[in-house]
Amino acid sequence: MAGNSILLAALSVLSACQQTFATCLGLVYIYSRHQYFWGYAEAAKKRITGFRLSLGVLALLTVLGAVGILNSFLDEYLDIDIAKKLRHF
């Protein structure tokens, strides 16, 4: 039960700060593409770090988008407000 509470708290914080966090991840993605380009220009093996970083950022952005859609769906159609339930703990 404690693990679920921590997960719900983390999800609510991420959804509240989602725009700021997504902006920061976007900047990290641009940096990783920069690293990928310059690594590829020097040697093909040097591009791996930038590629993996950009892949991780894109995966995290996808997860954050899914969490945001789920939160909106729960709030709009099922009338479940996760932030309100977490305030009662």
N, C-alpha and C. Protein backbone atom coordinates (compact mmCIF):
# COMPACT_ATOMS: atom_id res chain seq x y z
N MET A 1 0.82 -1.20 0.00
CA MET A 1 0.00 0.00 0.00
C MET A 1 0.86 1.25 0.00
N ALA A 2 1.96 1.21 0.72
CA ALA A 2 2.82 2.39 0.77
C ALA A 2 3.45 2.65 -0.59
N GLY A 3 3.78 1.59 -1.32
CA GLY A 3 4.35 1.75 -2.65
C GLY A 3 3.36 2.39 -3.60
N ASN A 4 2.08 2.02 -3.48
CA ASN A 4 1.06 2.62 -4.32
C ASN A 4 0.87 4.10 -4.01
N SER A 5 0.94 4.46 -2.74
CA SER A 5 0.79 5.87 -2.35
C SER A 5 1.94 6.70 -2.91
N ILE A 6 3.14 6.16 -2.86
CA ILE A 6 4.29 6.88 -3.39
C ILE A 6 4.15 7.03 -4.90
N LEU A 7 3.69 5.97 -5.57
CA LEU A 7 3.49 6.05 -7.02
C LEU A 7 2.43 7.09 -7.36
N LEU A 8 1.32 7.10 -6.64
CA LEU A 8 0.28 8.10 -6.91
C LEU A 8 0.77 9.51 -6.63
N ALA A 9 1.54 9.68 -5.58
CA ALA A 9 2.09 11.00 -5.28
C ALA A 9 3.04 11.45 -6.39
N ALA A 10 3.87 10.54 -6.86
CA ALA A 10 4.80 10.88 -7.93
C ALA A 10 4.05 11.23 -9.21
N LEU A 11 2.99 10.49 -9.52
CA LEU A 11 2.21 10.76 -10.71
C LEU A 11 1.50 12.11 -10.62
N SER A 12 1.00 12.45 -9.45
CA SER A 12 0.32 13.73 -9.32
C SER A 12 1.30 14.90 -9.41
N VAL A 13 2.48 14.74 -8.85
CA VAL A 13 3.50 15.79 -8.95
C VAL A 13 3.93 15.96 -10.40
N LEU A 14 4.11 14.84 -11.10
CA LEU A 14 4.51 14.93 -12.50
C LEU A 14 3.43 15.57 -13.35
N SER A 15 2.17 15.25 -13.06
CA SER A 15 1.11 15.86 -13.87
C SER A 15 0.96 17.35 -13.55
N ALA A 16 1.24 17.74 -12.32
CA ALA A 16 1.16 19.16 -11.96
C ALA A 16 2.31 19.93 -12.60
N CYS A 17 3.47 19.33 -12.67
CA CYS A 17 4.65 19.99 -13.23
C CYS A 17 4.96 19.49 -14.63
N GLN A 18 4.00 18.92 -15.28
CA GLN A 18 4.25 18.25 -16.54
C GLN A 18 4.78 19.19 -17.61
N GLN A 19 4.26 20.40 -17.68
CA GLN A 19 4.73 21.31 -18.72
C GLN A 19 6.18 21.71 -18.50
N THR A 20 6.55 22.00 -17.28
CA THR A 20 7.92 22.38 -16.98
C THR A 20 8.86 21.20 -17.22
N PHE A 21 8.45 20.04 -16.76
CA PHE A 21 9.26 18.84 -16.92
C PHE A 21 9.40 18.48 -18.39
N ALA A 22 8.32 18.60 -19.15
CA ALA A 22 8.36 18.30 -20.58
C ALA A 22 9.27 19.29 -21.31
N THR A 23 9.26 20.54 -20.89
CA THR A 23 10.15 21.53 -21.50
C THR A 23 11.60 21.18 -21.24
N CYS A 24 11.91 20.80 -20.01
CA CYS A 24 13.28 20.41 -19.68
C CYS A 24 13.69 19.17 -20.47
N LEU A 25 12.79 18.21 -20.60
CA LEU A 25 13.09 17.02 -21.38
C LEU A 25 13.28 17.36 -22.85
N GLY A 26 12.53 18.33 -23.35
CA GLY A 26 12.72 18.79 -24.72
C GLY A 26 14.10 19.37 -24.94
N LEU A 27 14.58 20.13 -23.97
CA LEU A 27 15.93 20.69 -24.07
C LEU A 27 16.99 19.59 -24.02
N VAL A 28 16.76 18.59 -23.17
CA VAL A 28 17.69 17.45 -23.11
C VAL A 28 17.67 16.70 -24.44
N TYR A 29 16.50 16.58 -25.05
CA TYR A 29 16.39 15.90 -26.34
C TYR A 29 17.17 16.66 -27.42
N ILE A 30 17.05 17.98 -27.43
CA ILE A 30 17.80 18.78 -28.41
C ILE A 30 19.30 18.60 -28.19
N TYR A 31 19.73 18.59 -26.94
CA TYR A 31 21.14 18.37 -26.63
C TYR A 31 21.60 16.98 -27.09
N SER A 32 20.76 15.97 -26.86
CA SER A 32 21.14 14.62 -27.24
C SER A 32 21.23 14.48 -28.76
N ARG A 33 20.36 15.16 -29.50
CA ARG A 33 20.45 15.14 -30.96
C ARG A 33 21.71 15.86 -31.44
N HIS A 34 22.08 16.91 -30.72
CA HIS A 34 23.33 17.61 -31.01
C HIS A 34 24.52 16.67 -30.81
N GLN A 35 24.51 15.94 -29.68
CA GLN A 35 25.58 14.98 -29.41
C GLN A 35 25.61 13.88 -30.46
N TYR A 36 24.44 13.43 -30.88
CA TYR A 36 24.35 12.39 -31.90
C TYR A 36 24.95 12.88 -33.21
N PHE A 37 24.60 14.08 -33.62
CA PHE A 37 25.11 14.63 -34.88
C PHE A 37 26.62 14.76 -34.86
N TRP A 38 27.15 15.38 -33.81
CA TRP A 38 28.59 15.59 -33.78
C TRP A 38 29.35 14.29 -33.57
N GLY A 39 28.77 13.36 -32.84
CA GLY A 39 29.39 12.05 -32.71
C GLY A 39 29.42 11.30 -34.03
N TYR A 40 28.35 11.42 -34.78
CA TYR A 40 28.28 10.77 -36.08
C TYR A 40 29.24 11.42 -37.08
N ALA A 41 29.42 12.73 -36.96
CA ALA A 41 30.33 13.43 -37.87
C ALA A 41 31.78 13.01 -37.63
N GLU A 42 32.12 12.70 -36.36
CA GLU A 42 33.49 12.30 -36.05
C GLU A 42 33.72 10.83 -36.37
N ALA A 43 32.88 9.98 -35.80
CA ALA A 43 32.99 8.53 -36.03
C ALA A 43 31.63 7.91 -35.73
N ALA A 44 31.27 6.91 -36.47
CA ALA A 44 29.95 6.30 -36.33
C ALA A 44 29.74 5.71 -34.94
N LYS A 45 30.79 5.23 -34.30
CA LYS A 45 30.63 4.63 -32.98
C LYS A 45 30.39 5.66 -31.88
N LYS A 46 30.72 6.90 -32.13
CA LYS A 46 30.53 7.94 -31.12
C LYS A 46 29.09 8.45 -31.06
N ARG A 47 28.25 8.01 -31.95
CA ARG A 47 26.86 8.49 -31.97
C ARG A 47 25.97 7.74 -30.98
N ILE A 48 26.44 6.64 -30.42
CA ILE A 48 25.61 5.78 -29.57
C ILE A 48 25.10 6.52 -28.33
N THR A 49 25.94 7.31 -27.69
CA THR A 49 25.52 8.01 -26.47
C THR A 49 24.36 8.96 -26.75
N GLY A 50 24.48 9.76 -27.78
CA GLY A 50 23.40 10.68 -28.13
C GLY A 50 22.14 9.96 -28.55
N PHE A 51 22.31 8.84 -29.26
CA PHE A 51 21.15 8.07 -29.70
C PHE A 51 20.40 7.48 -28.51
N ARG A 52 21.12 6.90 -27.58
CA ARG A 52 20.48 6.30 -26.40
C ARG A 52 19.82 7.35 -25.53
N LEU A 53 20.47 8.48 -25.37
CA LEU A 53 19.89 9.56 -24.57
C LEU A 53 18.60 10.07 -25.21
N SER A 54 18.61 10.27 -26.51
CA SER A 54 17.41 10.76 -27.18
C SER A 54 16.30 9.71 -27.13
N LEU A 55 16.65 8.44 -27.24
CA LEU A 55 15.66 7.39 -27.15
C LEU A 55 15.02 7.34 -25.76
N GLY A 56 15.83 7.50 -24.72
CA GLY A 56 15.30 7.53 -23.35
C GLY A 56 14.40 8.72 -23.10
N VAL A 57 14.78 9.88 -23.62
CA VAL A 57 13.96 11.08 -23.44
C VAL A 57 12.63 10.92 -24.16
N LEU A 58 12.66 10.38 -25.37
CA LEU A 58 11.41 10.17 -26.10
C LEU A 58 10.50 9.16 -25.39
N ALA A 59 11.09 8.13 -24.81
CA ALA A 59 10.29 7.16 -24.06
C ALA A 59 9.66 7.82 -22.83
N LEU A 60 10.43 8.63 -22.13
CA LEU A 60 9.91 9.32 -20.96
C LEU A 60 8.82 10.31 -21.32
N LEU A 61 8.99 11.03 -22.43
CA LEU A 61 7.96 11.95 -22.88
C LEU A 61 6.68 11.20 -23.28
N THR A 62 6.83 10.03 -23.87
CA THR A 62 5.67 9.22 -24.21
C THR A 62 4.92 8.77 -22.96
N VAL A 63 5.66 8.34 -21.95
CA VAL A 63 5.03 7.92 -20.70
C VAL A 63 4.32 9.10 -20.04
N LEU A 64 4.98 10.26 -20.02
CA LEU A 64 4.35 11.45 -19.42
C LEU A 64 3.08 11.85 -20.17
N GLY A 65 3.11 11.74 -21.48
CA GLY A 65 1.92 12.03 -22.27
C GLY A 65 0.78 11.08 -21.94
N ALA A 66 1.11 9.79 -21.80
CA ALA A 66 0.09 8.79 -21.44
C ALA A 66 -0.47 9.06 -20.05
N VAL A 67 0.38 9.45 -19.12
CA VAL A 67 -0.09 9.77 -17.76
C VAL A 67 -1.01 10.99 -17.80
N GLY A 68 -0.66 11.98 -18.59
CA GLY A 68 -1.50 13.17 -18.71
C GLY A 68 -2.85 12.85 -19.33
N ILE A 69 -2.86 12.00 -20.36
CA ILE A 69 -4.13 11.61 -20.98
C ILE A 69 -4.96 10.80 -20.01
N LEU A 70 -4.34 9.88 -19.28
CA LEU A 70 -5.06 9.09 -18.29
C LEU A 70 -5.64 9.97 -17.19
N ASN A 71 -4.87 10.93 -16.72
CA ASN A 71 -5.35 11.83 -15.68
C ASN A 71 -6.54 12.65 -16.18
N SER A 72 -6.45 13.15 -17.40
CA SER A 72 -7.57 13.91 -17.96
C SER A 72 -8.81 13.05 -18.14
N PHE A 73 -8.61 11.82 -18.61
CA PHE A 73 -9.72 10.89 -18.79
C PHE A 73 -10.41 10.59 -17.46
N LEU A 74 -9.60 10.28 -16.43
CA LEU A 74 -10.17 9.96 -15.12
C LEU A 74 -10.93 11.15 -14.55
N ASP A 75 -10.40 12.33 -14.72
CA ASP A 75 -11.04 13.53 -14.17
C ASP A 75 -12.31 13.88 -14.93
N GLU A 76 -12.28 13.79 -16.24
CA GLU A 76 -13.41 14.22 -17.06
C GLU A 76 -14.56 13.22 -17.08
N TYR A 77 -14.26 11.96 -17.30
CA TYR A 77 -15.31 10.97 -17.54
C TYR A 77 -15.68 10.13 -16.32
N LEU A 78 -14.74 9.90 -15.43
CA LEU A 78 -15.02 9.07 -14.26
C LEU A 78 -15.08 9.88 -12.97
N ASP A 79 -14.86 11.17 -13.07
CA ASP A 79 -14.91 12.08 -11.93
C ASP A 79 -13.98 11.65 -10.79
N ILE A 80 -12.81 11.20 -11.16
CA ILE A 80 -11.81 10.80 -10.17
C ILE A 80 -10.69 11.83 -10.22
N ASP A 81 -10.54 12.55 -9.13
CA ASP A 81 -9.48 13.56 -9.04
C ASP A 81 -8.37 13.00 -8.15
N ILE A 82 -7.29 12.60 -8.76
CA ILE A 82 -6.20 11.97 -8.03
C ILE A 82 -5.55 12.94 -7.05
N ALA A 83 -5.40 14.19 -7.44
CA ALA A 83 -4.78 15.18 -6.55
C ALA A 83 -5.62 15.38 -5.29
N LYS A 84 -6.93 15.39 -5.44
CA LYS A 84 -7.81 15.57 -4.29
C LYS A 84 -7.72 14.36 -3.35
N LYS A 85 -7.65 13.16 -3.92
CA LYS A 85 -7.53 11.96 -3.08
C LYS A 85 -6.19 11.92 -2.36
N LEU A 86 -5.14 12.43 -2.99
CA LEU A 86 -3.84 12.43 -2.32
C LEU A 86 -3.77 13.44 -1.20
N ARG A 87 -4.55 14.51 -1.26
CA ARG A 87 -4.57 15.50 -0.19
C ARG A 87 -5.18 14.94 1.09
N HIS A 88 -6.04 13.93 0.96
CA HIS A 88 -6.69 13.33 2.14
C HIS A 88 -5.75 12.40 2.90
N PHE A 89 -4.66 11.95 2.28
CA PHE A 89 -3.72 11.06 2.98
C PHE A 89 -2.98 11.84 3.96
